[in-house]
Amino acid sequence: MPGDCLFCSIVAGDVPADRIAEAEGVIAVRDISPRAPVHVLVVPERHVGSAHELGDDDAALLADCFALARRVATAEGIAEGYRITTNVGERGGQSIAHLHFHVIGGRQLGHIDSGSPEAP
C-alpha cells in the first residue's frame, strides 16, 4: 500500500468516508463530489493502481466489485438504469491511483460521445 494513497487510507479507517456497503475485500463509499443524485465509489481493499494493472488472477476481485456495485444500485433505488465506470491513468481522468468504480445514477444519463468528453 502506498503511504499517500487516499483510498488505502479510507480502507484502513484513517480517513473518514461515508461507507454505505461492504463485502469481502471491497467497500462502497459516497463520492465527495457527486456528479449525479447517486454517485458511489466501489473500491477494492487491496491496492491496485488501475484497471490496466489487473491480471488473469484478478477475476474474483472484479466479480466482487461488480457484485457490490449491483447491491449498491439496488439499495439506492437505481437498478433500472445506472452507469459503472472506471478511469485509467491521468490522461483517462483518473485522479486517485487506486482502482475504483463509479456507480452513477438517479437521473437520465446521456450517451457518451467518443468525440467529446462528458461529465456523467
PDB file of N, CA and C in Angstrom:
ATOM      1  N   MET A   1       0.852  -1.185   0.000  1.00  0.00           N
ATOM      2  CA  MET A   1       0.000   0.000   0.000  1.00  0.00           C
ATOM      3  C   MET A   1       0.887   1.235   0.000  1.00  0.00           C
ATOM      4  N   PRO A   2       0.736   2.080  -0.991  1.00  0.00           N
ATOM      5  CA  PRO A   2       1.468   3.343  -0.980  1.00  0.00           C
ATOM      6  C   PRO A   2       0.993   4.214   0.179  1.00  0.00           C
ATOM      7  N   GLY A   3       1.930   4.859   0.864  1.00  0.00           N
ATOM      8  CA  GLY A   3       1.604   5.660   2.035  1.00  0.00           C
ATOM      9  C   GLY A   3       0.736   6.862   1.745  1.00  0.00           C
ATOM     10  N   ASP A   4       0.712   7.333   0.510  1.00  0.00           N
ATOM     11  CA  ASP A   4      -0.055   8.532   0.191  1.00  0.00           C
ATOM     12  C   ASP A   4      -1.352   8.223  -0.571  1.00  0.00           C
ATOM     13  N   CYS A   5      -1.790   6.976  -0.583  1.00  0.00           N
ATOM     14  CA  CYS A   5      -2.992   6.599  -1.323  1.00  0.00           C
ATOM     15  C   CYS A   5      -4.233   6.896  -0.481  1.00  0.00           C
ATOM     16  N   LEU A   6      -5.067   7.796  -0.973  1.00  0.00           N
ATOM     17  CA  LEU A   6      -6.282   8.185  -0.250  1.00  0.00           C
ATOM     18  C   LEU A   6      -7.186   6.984  -0.005  1.00  0.00           C
ATOM     19  N   PHE A   7      -7.410   6.148  -1.008  1.00  0.00           N
ATOM     20  CA  PHE A   7      -8.322   5.022  -0.822  1.00  0.00           C
ATOM     21  C   PHE A   7      -7.761   3.980   0.136  1.00  0.00           C
ATOM     22  N   CYS A   8      -6.450   3.771   0.141  1.00  0.00           N
ATOM     23  CA  CYS A   8      -5.848   2.862   1.131  1.00  0.00           C
ATOM     24  C   CYS A   8      -6.077   3.406   2.538  1.00  0.00           C
ATOM     25  N   SER A   9      -5.993   4.733   2.683  1.00  0.00           N
ATOM     26  CA  SER A   9      -6.238   5.357   3.989  1.00  0.00           C
ATOM     27  C   SER A   9      -7.699   5.241   4.402  1.00  0.00           C
ATOM     28  N   ILE A  10      -8.618   5.337   3.443  1.00  0.00           N
ATOM     29  CA  ILE A  10     -10.044   5.156   3.743  1.00  0.00           C
ATOM     30  C   ILE A  10     -10.309   3.715   4.150  1.00  0.00           C
ATOM     31  N   VAL A  11      -9.750   2.771   3.401  1.00  0.00           N
ATOM     32  CA  VAL A  11      -9.922   1.347   3.717  1.00  0.00           C
ATOM     33  C   VAL A  11      -9.414   1.058   5.128  1.00  0.00           C
ATOM     34  N   ALA A  12      -8.258   1.632   5.490  1.00  0.00           N
ATOM     35  CA  ALA A  12      -7.661   1.401   6.806  1.00  0.00           C
ATOM     36  C   ALA A  12      -8.424   2.105   7.929  1.00  0.00           C
ATOM     37  N   GLY A  13      -9.334   3.016   7.576  1.00  0.00           N
ATOM     38  CA  GLY A  13     -10.085   3.757   8.583  1.00  0.00           C
ATOM     39  C   GLY A  13      -9.368   5.002   9.076  1.00  0.00           C
ATOM     40  N   ASP A  14      -8.263   5.366   8.431  1.00  0.00           N
ATOM     41  CA  ASP A  14      -7.509   6.547   8.834  1.00  0.00           C
ATOM     42  C   ASP A  14      -8.124   7.841   8.310  1.00  0.00           C
ATOM     43  N   VAL A  15      -8.879   7.749   7.241  1.00  0.00           N
ATOM     44  CA  VAL A  15      -9.562   8.910   6.655  1.00  0.00           C
ATOM     45  C   VAL A  15     -11.055   8.594   6.672  1.00  0.00           C
ATOM     46  N   PRO A  16     -11.883   9.480   7.208  1.00  0.00           N
ATOM     47  CA  PRO A  16     -13.323   9.203   7.262  1.00  0.00           C
ATOM     48  C   PRO A  16     -13.955   9.238   5.870  1.00  0.00           C
ATOM     49  N   ALA A  17     -14.948   8.392   5.692  1.00  0.00           N
ATOM     50  CA  ALA A  17     -15.717   8.351   4.450  1.00  0.00           C
ATOM     51  C   ALA A  17     -17.105   7.820   4.794  1.00  0.00           C
ATOM     52  N   ASP A  18     -18.073   8.167   3.969  1.00  0.00           N
ATOM     53  CA  ASP A  18     -19.443   7.698   4.161  1.00  0.00           C
ATOM     54  C   ASP A  18     -19.568   6.308   3.536  1.00  0.00           C
ATOM     55  N   ARG A  19     -19.211   5.283   4.311  1.00  0.00           N
ATOM     56  CA  ARG A  19     -19.303   3.894   3.838  1.00  0.00           C
ATOM     57  C   ARG A  19     -20.763   3.487   3.819  1.00  0.00           C
ATOM     58  N   ILE A  20     -21.208   2.986   2.693  1.00  0.00           N
ATOM     59  CA  ILE A  20     -22.614   2.586   2.612  1.00  0.00           C
ATOM     60  C   ILE A  20     -22.783   1.088   2.441  1.00  0.00           C
ATOM     61  N   ALA A  21     -21.710   0.386   2.069  1.00  0.00           N
ATOM     62  CA  ALA A  21     -21.789  -1.066   1.912  1.00  0.00           C
ATOM     63  C   ALA A  21     -20.384  -1.639   1.936  1.00  0.00           C
ATOM     64  N   GLU A  22     -20.327  -2.909   2.309  1.00  0.00           N
ATOM     65  CA  GLU A  22     -19.047  -3.611   2.328  1.00  0.00           C
ATOM     66  C   GLU A  22     -19.284  -5.052   1.938  1.00  0.00           C
ATOM     67  N   ALA A  23     -18.279  -5.660   1.383  1.00  0.00           N
ATOM     68  CA  ALA A  23     -18.264  -7.088   1.089  1.00  0.00           C
ATOM     69  C   ALA A  23     -16.833  -7.547   1.311  1.00  0.00           C
ATOM     70  N   GLU A  24     -16.602  -8.817   1.213  1.00  0.00           N
ATOM     71  CA  GLU A  24     -15.265  -9.351   1.405  1.00  0.00           C
ATOM     72  C   GLU A  24     -14.282  -8.679   0.441  1.00  0.00           C
ATOM     73  N   GLY A  25     -13.372  -7.860   0.979  1.00  0.00           N
ATOM     74  CA  GLY A  25     -12.329  -7.249   0.167  1.00  0.00           C
ATOM     75  C   GLY A  25     -12.721  -6.022  -0.620  1.00  0.00           C
ATOM     76  N   VAL A  26     -13.961  -5.507  -0.444  1.00  0.00           N
ATOM     77  CA  VAL A  26     -14.452  -4.379  -1.240  1.00  0.00           C
ATOM     78  C   VAL A  26     -15.321  -3.485  -0.359  1.00  0.00           C
ATOM     79  N   ILE A  27     -15.198  -2.168  -0.542  1.00  0.00           N
ATOM     80  CA  ILE A  27     -16.072  -1.233   0.171  1.00  0.00           C
ATOM     81  C   ILE A  27     -16.763  -0.316  -0.844  1.00  0.00           C
ATOM     82  N   ALA A  28     -17.854   0.291  -0.411  1.00  0.00           N
ATOM     83  CA  ALA A  28     -18.564   1.283  -1.217  1.00  0.00           C
ATOM     84  C   ALA A  28     -18.726   2.534  -0.370  1.00  0.00           C
ATOM     85  N   VAL A  29     -18.313   3.680  -0.938  1.00  0.00           N
ATOM     86  CA  VAL A  29     -18.402   4.965  -0.238  1.00  0.00           C
ATOM     87  C   VAL A  29     -19.047   5.988  -1.155  1.00  0.00           C
ATOM     88  N   ARG A  30     -19.710   6.952  -0.555  1.00  0.00           N
ATOM     89  CA  ARG A  30     -20.284   8.040  -1.362  1.00  0.00           C
ATOM     90  C   ARG A  30     -19.165   8.942  -1.869  1.00  0.00           C
ATOM     91  N   ASP A  31     -19.276   9.369  -3.116  1.00  0.00           N
ATOM     92  CA  ASP A  31     -18.308  10.298  -3.696  1.00  0.00           C
ATOM     93  C   ASP A  31     -18.483  11.657  -3.022  1.00  0.00           C
ATOM     94  N   ILE A  32     -17.377  12.325  -2.695  1.00  0.00           N
ATOM     95  CA  ILE A  32     -17.486  13.625  -2.014  1.00  0.00           C
ATOM     96  C   ILE A  32     -17.828  14.752  -2.983  1.00  0.00           C
ATOM     97  N   SER A  33     -17.717  14.502  -4.290  1.00  0.00           N
ATOM     98  CA  SER A  33     -18.112  15.481  -5.314  1.00  0.00           C
ATOM     99  C   SER A  33     -19.038  14.800  -6.311  1.00  0.00           C
ATOM    100  N   PRO A  34     -20.258  14.485  -5.895  1.00  0.00           N
ATOM    101  CA  PRO A  34     -21.142  13.697  -6.770  1.00  0.00           C
ATOM    102  C   PRO A  34     -21.510  14.422  -8.057  1.00  0.00           C
ATOM    103  N   ARG A  35     -21.603  13.651  -9.136  1.00  0.00           N
ATOM    104  CA  ARG A  35     -21.989  14.186 -10.439  1.00  0.00           C
ATOM    105  C   ARG A  35     -23.397  13.784 -10.835  1.00  0.00           C
ATOM    106  N   ALA A  36     -24.082  13.123  -9.914  1.00  0.00           N
ATOM    107  CA  ALA A  36     -25.473  12.711 -10.124  1.00  0.00           C
ATOM    108  C   ALA A  36     -26.085  12.505  -8.736  1.00  0.00           C
ATOM    109  N   PRO A  37     -27.408  12.380  -8.655  1.00  0.00           N
ATOM    110  CA  PRO A  37     -28.032  12.171  -7.346  1.00  0.00           C
ATOM    111  C   PRO A  37     -27.447  10.970  -6.587  1.00  0.00           C
ATOM    112  N   VAL A  38     -27.079   9.926  -7.305  1.00  0.00           N
ATOM    113  CA  VAL A  38     -26.383   8.790  -6.704  1.00  0.00           C
ATOM    114  C   VAL A  38     -25.017   8.709  -7.359  1.00  0.00           C
ATOM    115  N   HIS A  39     -23.981   8.787  -6.548  1.00  0.00           N
ATOM    116  CA  HIS A  39     -22.602   8.660  -7.048  1.00  0.00           C
ATOM    117  C   HIS A  39     -21.799   7.987  -5.939  1.00  0.00           C
ATOM    118  N   VAL A  40     -21.587   6.701  -6.122  1.00  0.00           N
ATOM    119  CA  VAL A  40     -20.923   5.867  -5.127  1.00  0.00           C
ATOM    120  C   VAL A  40     -19.665   5.283  -5.754  1.00  0.00           C
ATOM    121  N   LEU A  41     -18.611   5.176  -4.956  1.00  0.00           N
ATOM    122  CA  LEU A  41     -17.358   4.578  -5.411  1.00  0.00           C
ATOM    123  C   LEU A  41     -17.226   3.185  -4.811  1.00  0.00           C
ATOM    124  N   VAL A  42     -16.972   2.209  -5.649  1.00  0.00           N
ATOM    125  CA  VAL A  42     -16.709   0.842  -5.215  1.00  0.00           C
ATOM    126  C   VAL A  42     -15.207   0.649  -5.294  1.00  0.00           C
ATOM    127  N   VAL A  43     -14.595   0.349  -4.143  1.00  0.00           N
ATOM    128  CA  VAL A  43     -13.138   0.355  -4.013  1.00  0.00           C
ATOM    129  C   VAL A  43     -12.657  -0.983  -3.454  1.00  0.00           C
ATOM    130  N   PRO A  44     -11.765  -1.677  -4.168  1.00  0.00           N
ATOM    131  CA  PRO A  44     -11.182  -2.876  -3.567  1.00  0.00           C
ATOM    132  C   PRO A  44     -10.265  -2.489  -2.414  1.00  0.00           C
ATOM    133  N   GLU A  45     -10.244  -3.315  -1.378  1.00  0.00           N
ATOM    134  CA  GLU A  45      -9.386  -3.033  -0.236  1.00  0.00           C
ATOM    135  C   GLU A  45      -7.915  -3.199  -0.603  1.00  0.00           C
ATOM    136  N   ARG A  46      -7.603  -4.144  -1.455  1.00  0.00           N
ATOM    137  CA  ARG A  46      -6.224  -4.361  -1.892  1.00  0.00           C
ATOM    138  C   ARG A  46      -5.849  -3.261  -2.883  1.00  0.00           C
ATOM    139  N   HIS A  47      -4.663  -2.700  -2.727  1.00  0.00           N
ATOM    140  CA  HIS A  47      -4.234  -1.639  -3.626  1.00  0.00           C
ATOM    141  C   HIS A  47      -3.898  -2.203  -5.005  1.00  0.00           C
ATOM    142  N   VAL A  48      -4.600  -1.687  -5.996  1.00  0.00           N
ATOM    143  CA  VAL A  48      -4.324  -1.930  -7.410  1.00  0.00           C
ATOM    144  C   VAL A  48      -4.357  -0.546  -8.024  1.00  0.00           C
ATOM    145  N   GLY A  49      -3.324  -0.172  -8.752  1.00  0.00           N
ATOM    146  CA  GLY A  49      -3.230   1.190  -9.268  1.00  0.00           C
ATOM    147  C   GLY A  49      -4.357   1.589 -10.205  1.00  0.00           C
ATOM    148  N   SER A  50      -4.744   0.698 -11.106  1.00  0.00           N
ATOM    149  CA  SER A  50      -5.820   0.980 -12.060  1.00  0.00           C
ATOM    150  C   SER A  50      -6.240  -0.321 -12.725  1.00  0.00           C
ATOM    151  N   ALA A  51      -7.262  -0.258 -13.538  1.00  0.00           N
ATOM    152  CA  ALA A  51      -7.723  -1.439 -14.268  1.00  0.00           C
ATOM    153  C   ALA A  51      -6.636  -1.974 -15.194  1.00  0.00           C
ATOM    154  N   HIS A  52      -5.752  -1.117 -15.631  1.00  0.00           N
ATOM    155  CA  HIS A  52      -4.667  -1.541 -16.532  1.00  0.00           C
ATOM    156  C   HIS A  52      -3.718  -2.515 -15.842  1.00  0.00           C
ATOM    157  N   GLU A  53      -3.657  -2.487 -14.528  1.00  0.00           N
ATOM    158  CA  GLU A  53      -2.759  -3.361 -13.770  1.00  0.00           C
ATOM    159  C   GLU A  53      -3.383  -4.713 -13.420  1.00  0.00           C
ATOM    160  N   LEU A  54      -4.649  -4.908 -13.743  1.00  0.00           N
ATOM    161  CA  LEU A  54      -5.312  -6.167 -13.414  1.00  0.00           C
ATOM    162  C   LEU A  54      -4.748  -7.303 -14.261  1.00  0.00           C
ATOM    163  N   GLY A  55      -4.682  -8.480 -13.657  1.00  0.00           N
ATOM    164  CA  GLY A  55      -4.181  -9.654 -14.365  1.00  0.00           C
ATOM    165  C   GLY A  55      -5.212 -10.765 -14.379  1.00  0.00           C
ATOM    166  N   ASP A  56      -4.815 -11.890 -14.957  1.00  0.00           N
ATOM    167  CA  ASP A  56      -5.712 -13.040 -15.070  1.00  0.00           C
ATOM    168  C   ASP A  56      -6.219 -13.527 -13.716  1.00  0.00           C
ATOM    169  N   ASP A  57      -5.425 -13.394 -12.676  1.00  0.00           N
ATOM    170  CA  ASP A  57      -5.839 -13.884 -11.368  1.00  0.00           C
ATOM    171  C   ASP A  57      -6.667 -12.865 -10.577  1.00  0.00           C
ATOM    172  N   ASP A  58      -7.114 -11.803 -11.219  1.00  0.00           N
ATOM    173  CA  ASP A  58      -7.948 -10.796 -10.552  1.00  0.00           C
ATOM    174  C   ASP A  58      -9.433 -10.921 -10.894  1.00  0.00           C
ATOM    175  N   ALA A  59      -9.821 -12.020 -11.516  1.00  0.00           N
ATOM    176  CA  ALA A  59     -11.224 -12.200 -11.908  1.00  0.00           C
ATOM    177  C   ALA A  59     -12.154 -12.170 -10.698  1.00  0.00           C
ATOM    178  N   ALA A  60     -11.750 -12.801  -9.604  1.00  0.00           N
ATOM    179  CA  ALA A  60     -12.606 -12.818  -8.413  1.00  0.00           C
ATOM    180  C   ALA A  60     -12.753 -11.420  -7.826  1.00  0.00           C
ATOM    181  N   LEU A  61     -11.676 -10.634  -7.853  1.00  0.00           N
ATOM    182  CA  LEU A  61     -11.739  -9.254  -7.353  1.00  0.00           C
ATOM    183  C   LEU A  61     -12.742  -8.441  -8.166  1.00  0.00           C
ATOM    184  N   LEU A  62     -12.691  -8.565  -9.483  1.00  0.00           N
ATOM    185  CA  LEU A  62     -13.640  -7.843 -10.330  1.00  0.00           C
ATOM    186  C   LEU A  62     -15.066  -8.313 -10.088  1.00  0.00           C
ATOM    187  N   ALA A  63     -15.255  -9.608  -9.948  1.00  0.00           N
ATOM    188  CA  ALA A  63     -16.600 -10.126  -9.673  1.00  0.00           C
ATOM    189  C   ALA A  63     -17.130  -9.557  -8.362  1.00  0.00           C
ATOM    190  N   ASP A  64     -16.276  -9.473  -7.343  1.00  0.00           N
ATOM    191  CA  ASP A  64     -16.696  -8.914  -6.054  1.00  0.00           C
ATOM    192  C   ASP A  64     -17.046  -7.438  -6.184  1.00  0.00           C
ATOM    193  N   CYS A  65     -16.260  -6.687  -6.969  1.00  0.00           N
ATOM    194  CA  CYS A  65     -16.546  -5.259  -7.185  1.00  0.00           C
ATOM    195  C   CYS A  65     -17.895  -5.075  -7.870  1.00  0.00           C
ATOM    196  N   PHE A  66     -18.149  -5.852  -8.924  1.00  0.00           N
ATOM    197  CA  PHE A  66     -19.396  -5.696  -9.656  1.00  0.00           C
ATOM    198  C   PHE A  66     -20.593  -6.211  -8.862  1.00  0.00           C
ATOM    199  N   ALA A  67     -20.390  -7.224  -8.035  1.00  0.00           N
ATOM    200  CA  ALA A  67     -21.483  -7.688  -7.176  1.00  0.00           C
ATOM    201  C   ALA A  67     -21.855  -6.612  -6.165  1.00  0.00           C
ATOM    202  N   LEU A  68     -20.867  -5.937  -5.594  1.00  0.00           N
ATOM    203  CA  LEU A  68     -21.164  -4.862  -4.650  1.00  0.00           C
ATOM    204  C   LEU A  68     -21.804  -3.679  -5.374  1.00  0.00           C
ATOM    205  N   ALA A  69     -21.354  -3.378  -6.577  1.00  0.00           N
ATOM    206  CA  ALA A  69     -21.974  -2.301  -7.359  1.00  0.00           C
ATOM    207  C   ALA A  69     -23.450  -2.601  -7.606  1.00  0.00           C
ATOM    208  N   ARG A  70     -23.762  -3.843  -7.943  1.00  0.00           N
ATOM    209  CA  ARG A  70     -25.165  -4.238  -8.159  1.00  0.00           C
ATOM    210  C   ARG A  70     -25.961  -4.081  -6.867  1.00  0.00           C
ATOM    211  N   ARG A  71     -25.384  -4.496  -5.745  1.00  0.00           N
ATOM    212  CA  ARG A  71     -26.057  -4.369  -4.451  1.00  0.00           C
ATOM    213  C   ARG A  71     -26.317  -2.895  -4.115  1.00  0.00           C
ATOM    214  N   VAL A  72     -25.329  -2.047  -4.373  1.00  0.00           N
ATOM    215  CA  VAL A  72     -25.476  -0.605  -4.133  1.00  0.00           C
ATOM    216  C   VAL A  72     -26.582  -0.032  -5.017  1.00  0.00           C
ATOM    217  N   ALA A  73     -26.580  -0.382  -6.296  1.00  0.00           N
ATOM    218  CA  ALA A  73     -27.594   0.135  -7.219  1.00  0.00           C
ATOM    219  C   ALA A  73     -29.000  -0.242  -6.751  1.00  0.00           C
ATOM    220  N   THR A  74     -29.158  -1.456  -6.298  1.00  0.00           N
ATOM    221  CA  THR A  74     -30.464  -1.904  -5.802  1.00  0.00           C
ATOM    222  C   THR A  74     -30.850  -1.136  -4.541  1.00  0.00           C
ATOM    223  N   ALA A  75     -29.919  -1.030  -3.600  1.00  0.00           N
ATOM    224  CA  ALA A  75     -30.201  -0.333  -2.334  1.00  0.00           C
ATOM    225  C   ALA A  75     -30.490   1.148  -2.543  1.00  0.00           C
ATOM    226  N   GLU A  76     -29.857   1.749  -3.534  1.00  0.00           N
ATOM    227  CA  GLU A  76     -30.028   3.181  -3.805  1.00  0.00           C
ATOM    228  C   GLU A  76     -31.229   3.462  -4.714  1.00  0.00           C
ATOM    229  N   GLY A  77     -31.910   2.414  -5.179  1.00  0.00           N
ATOM    230  CA  GLY A  77     -33.104   2.587  -6.000  1.00  0.00           C
ATOM    231  C   GLY A  77     -32.823   2.976  -7.451  1.00  0.00           C
ATOM    232  N   ILE A  78     -31.656   2.611  -7.964  1.00  0.00           N
ATOM    233  CA  ILE A  78     -31.316   2.980  -9.354  1.00  0.00           C
ATOM    234  C   ILE A  78     -31.115   1.751 -10.247  1.00  0.00           C
ATOM    235  N   ALA A  79     -31.579   0.601  -9.800  1.00  0.00           N
ATOM    236  CA  ALA A  79     -31.340  -0.643 -10.540  1.00  0.00           C
ATOM    237  C   ALA A  79     -31.917  -0.609 -11.961  1.00  0.00           C
ATOM    238  N   GLU A  80     -32.881   0.284 -12.220  1.00  0.00           N
ATOM    239  CA  GLU A  80     -33.471   0.345 -13.563  1.00  0.00           C
ATOM    240  C   GLU A  80     -32.562   1.036 -14.580  1.00  0.00           C
ATOM    241  N   GLY A  81     -31.529   1.716 -14.100  1.00  0.00           N
ATOM    242  CA  GLY A  81     -30.599   2.360 -15.031  1.00  0.00           C
ATOM    243  C   GLY A  81     -29.505   3.107 -14.301  1.00  0.00           C
ATOM    244  N   TYR A  82     -28.277   2.707 -14.543  1.00  0.00           N
ATOM    245  CA  TYR A  82     -27.130   3.363 -13.927  1.00  0.00           C
ATOM    246  C   TYR A  82     -25.894   3.091 -14.761  1.00  0.00           C
ATOM    247  N   ARG A  83     -24.829   3.761 -14.416  1.00  0.00           N
ATOM    248  CA  ARG A  83     -23.562   3.619 -15.135  1.00  0.00           C
ATOM    249  C   ARG A  83     -22.488   3.171 -14.153  1.00  0.00           C
ATOM    250  N   ILE A  84     -21.634   2.268 -14.605  1.00  0.00           N
ATOM    251  CA  ILE A  84     -20.438   1.866 -13.856  1.00  0.00           C
ATOM    252  C   ILE A  84     -19.251   2.244 -14.728  1.00  0.00           C
ATOM    253  N   THR A  85     -18.354   3.069 -14.191  1.00  0.00           N
ATOM    254  CA  THR A  85     -17.183   3.477 -14.960  1.00  0.00           C
ATOM    255  C   THR A  85     -15.932   3.400 -14.105  1.00  0.00           C
ATOM    256  N   THR A  86     -14.800   3.291 -14.785  1.00  0.00           N
ATOM    257  CA  THR A  86     -13.504   3.440 -14.143  1.00  0.00           C
ATOM    258  C   THR A  86     -12.603   4.191 -15.103  1.00  0.00           C
ATOM    259  N   ASN A  87     -11.731   4.981 -14.576  1.00  0.00           N
ATOM    260  CA  ASN A  87     -10.777   5.740 -15.383  1.00  0.00           C
ATOM    261  C   ASN A  87      -9.402   5.108 -15.217  1.00  0.00           C
ATOM    262  N   VAL A  88      -8.586   5.208 -16.258  1.00  0.00           N
ATOM    263  CA  VAL A  88      -7.244   4.635 -16.220  1.00  0.00           C
ATOM    264  C   VAL A  88      -6.234   5.724 -16.533  1.00  0.00           C
ATOM    265  N   GLY A  89      -5.377   5.999 -15.577  1.00  0.00           N
ATOM    266  CA  GLY A  89      -4.307   6.975 -15.772  1.00  0.00           C
ATOM    267  C   GLY A  89      -4.802   8.407 -15.768  1.00  0.00           C
ATOM    268  N   GLU A  90      -3.863   9.294 -15.573  1.00  0.00           N
ATOM    269  CA  GLU A  90      -4.182  10.718 -15.527  1.00  0.00           C
ATOM    270  C   GLU A  90      -4.846  11.203 -16.815  1.00  0.00           C
ATOM    271  N   ARG A  91      -4.344  10.748 -17.954  1.00  0.00           N
ATOM    272  CA  ARG A  91      -4.935  11.160 -19.238  1.00  0.00           C
ATOM    273  C   ARG A  91      -6.333  10.610 -19.434  1.00  0.00           C
ATOM    274  N   GLY A  92      -6.660   9.540 -18.719  1.00  0.00           N
ATOM    275  CA  GLY A  92      -8.001   8.966 -18.783  1.00  0.00           C
ATOM    276  C   GLY A  92      -8.934   9.513 -17.721  1.00  0.00           C
ATOM    277  N   GLY A  93      -8.448  10.486 -16.945  1.00  0.00           N
ATOM    278  CA  GLY A  93      -9.289  11.124 -15.936  1.00  0.00           C
ATOM    279  C   GLY A  93      -9.176  10.525 -14.542  1.00  0.00           C
ATOM    280  N   GLN A  94      -8.226   9.607 -14.327  1.00  0.00           N
ATOM    281  CA  GLN A  94      -8.076   9.004 -13.008  1.00  0.00           C
ATOM    282  C   GLN A  94      -7.339   9.966 -12.092  1.00  0.00           C
ATOM    283  N   SER A  95      -8.000  10.377 -11.009  1.00  0.00           N
ATOM    284  CA  SER A  95      -7.391  11.348 -10.100  1.00  0.00           C
ATOM    285  C   SER A  95      -6.774  10.690  -8.870  1.00  0.00           C
ATOM    286  N   ILE A  96      -7.183   9.472  -8.552  1.00  0.00           N
ATOM    287  CA  ILE A  96      -6.614   8.723  -7.428  1.00  0.00           C
ATOM    288  C   ILE A  96      -6.111   7.397  -7.982  1.00  0.00           C
ATOM    289  N   ALA A  97      -4.833   7.134  -7.820  1.00  0.00           N
ATOM    290  CA  ALA A  97      -4.204   5.942  -8.398  1.00  0.00           C
ATOM    291  C   ALA A  97      -4.477   4.709  -7.541  1.00  0.00           C
ATOM    292  N   HIS A  98      -5.739   4.352  -7.446  1.00  0.00           N
ATOM    293  CA  HIS A  98      -6.209   3.144  -6.775  1.00  0.00           C
ATOM    294  C   HIS A  98      -7.469   2.751  -7.525  1.00  0.00           C
ATOM    295  N   LEU A  99      -7.517   1.540  -8.033  1.00  0.00           N
ATOM    296  CA  LEU A  99      -8.679   1.078  -8.787  1.00  0.00           C
ATOM    297  C   LEU A  99      -9.969   1.380  -8.025  1.00  0.00           C
ATOM    298  N   HIS A 100     -10.927   1.960  -8.721  1.00  0.00           N
ATOM    299  CA  HIS A 100     -12.256   2.191  -8.147  1.00  0.00           C
ATOM    300  C   HIS A 100     -13.253   2.332  -9.285  1.00  0.00           C
ATOM    301  N   PHE A 101     -14.480   1.997  -8.988  1.00  0.00           N
ATOM    302  CA  PHE A 101     -15.560   2.064  -9.962  1.00  0.00           C
ATOM    303  C   PHE A 101     -16.598   3.070  -9.477  1.00  0.00           C
ATOM    304  N   HIS A 102     -17.022   3.940 -10.378  1.00  0.00           N
ATOM    305  CA  HIS A 102     -18.072   4.908 -10.085  1.00  0.00           C
ATOM    306  C   HIS A 102     -19.415   4.258 -10.429  1.00  0.00           C
ATOM    307  N   VAL A 103     -20.333   4.257  -9.484  1.00  0.00           N
ATOM    308  CA  VAL A 103     -21.709   3.811  -9.715  1.00  0.00           C
ATOM    309  C   VAL A 103     -22.539   5.083  -9.701  1.00  0.00           C
ATOM    310  N   ILE A 104     -23.070   5.435 -10.875  1.00  0.00           N
ATOM    311  CA  ILE A 104     -23.709   6.733 -11.068  1.00  0.00           C
ATOM    312  C   ILE A 104     -25.128   6.539 -11.589  1.00  0.00           C
ATOM    313  N   GLY A 105     -26.088   7.243 -10.986  1.00  0.00           N
ATOM    314  CA  GLY A 105     -27.466   7.147 -11.453  1.00  0.00           C
ATOM    315  C   GLY A 105     -28.358   8.110 -10.705  1.00  0.00           C
ATOM    316  N   GLY A 106     -29.651   7.862 -10.822  1.00  0.00           N
ATOM    317  CA  GLY A 106     -30.622   8.716 -10.148  1.00  0.00           C
ATOM    318  C   GLY A 106     -31.173   9.814 -11.028  1.00  0.00           C
ATOM    319  N   ARG A 107     -30.745   9.856 -12.268  1.00  0.00           N
ATOM    320  CA  ARG A 107     -31.282  10.784 -13.262  1.00  0.00           C
ATOM    321  C   ARG A 107     -31.022  10.172 -14.629  1.00  0.00           C
ATOM    322  N   GLN A 108     -31.622  10.737 -15.660  1.00  0.00           N
ATOM    323  CA  GLN A 108     -31.384  10.248 -17.008  1.00  0.00           C
ATOM    324  C   GLN A 108     -29.946  10.553 -17.398  1.00  0.00           C
ATOM    325  N   LEU A 109     -29.203   9.531 -17.773  1.00  0.00           N
ATOM    326  CA  LEU A 109     -27.819   9.717 -18.206  1.00  0.00           C
ATOM    327  C   LEU A 109     -27.781   9.767 -19.719  1.00  0.00           C
ATOM    328  N   GLY A 110     -26.969  10.663 -20.249  1.00  0.00           N
ATOM    329  CA  GLY A 110     -26.840  10.779 -21.697  1.00  0.00           C
ATOM    330  C   GLY A 110     -25.860   9.780 -22.253  1.00  0.00           C
ATOM    331  N   HIS A 111     -25.859   9.693 -23.566  1.00  0.00           N
ATOM    332  CA  HIS A 111     -24.892   8.847 -24.253  1.00  0.00           C
ATOM    333  C   HIS A 111     -23.529   9.516 -24.202  1.00  0.00           C
ATOM    334  N   ILE A 112     -22.504   8.722 -24.146  1.00  0.00           N
ATOM    335  CA  ILE A 112     -21.142   9.265 -24.166  1.00  0.00           C
ATOM    336  C   ILE A 112     -20.693   9.308 -25.618  1.00  0.00           C
ATOM    337  N   ASP A 113     -20.403  10.490 -26.090  1.00  0.00           N
ATOM    338  CA  ASP A 113     -19.914  10.691 -27.455  1.00  0.00           C
ATOM    339  C   ASP A 113     -18.403  10.544 -27.421  1.00  0.00           C
ATOM    340  N   SER A 114     -17.885   9.594 -28.166  1.00  0.00           N
ATOM    341  CA  SER A 114     -16.446   9.335 -28.134  1.00  0.00           C
ATOM    342  C   SER A 114     -15.627  10.513 -28.641  1.00  0.00           C
ATOM    343  N   GLY A 115     -16.267  11.463 -29.295  1.00  0.00           N
ATOM    344  CA  GLY A 115     -15.539  12.623 -29.807  1.00  0.00           C
ATOM    345  C   GLY A 115     -15.449  13.778 -28.832  1.00  0.00           C
ATOM    346  N   SER A 116     -16.237  13.739 -27.764  1.00  0.00           N
ATOM    347  CA  SER A 116     -16.188  14.840 -26.811  1.00  0.00           C
ATOM    348  C   SER A 116     -16.362  14.305 -25.398  1.00  0.00           C
ATOM    349  N   PRO A 117     -15.652  14.890 -24.435  1.00  0.00           N
ATOM    350  CA  PRO A 117     -15.780  14.421 -23.057  1.00  0.00           C
ATOM    351  C   PRO A 117     -17.134  14.782 -22.478  1.00  0.00           C
ATOM    352  N   GLU A 118     -17.616  13.941 -21.611  1.00  0.00           N
ATOM    353  CA  GLU A 118     -18.895  14.198 -20.948  1.00  0.00           C
ATOM    354  C   GLU A 118     -18.702  14.004 -19.454  1.00  0.00           C
ATOM    355  N   ALA A 119     -19.216  14.911 -18.674  1.00  0.00           N
ATOM    356  CA  ALA A 119     -19.251  14.727 -17.226  1.00  0.00           C
ATOM    357  C   ALA A 119     -20.539  14.000 -16.911  1.00  0.00           C
ATOM    358  N   PRO A 120     -20.450  12.777 -16.384  1.00  0.00           N
ATOM    359  CA  PRO A 120     -21.671  11.997 -16.136  1.00  0.00           C
ATOM    360  C   PRO A 120     -22.610  12.661 -15.150  1.00  0.00           C
TER     361      PRO A 120
END
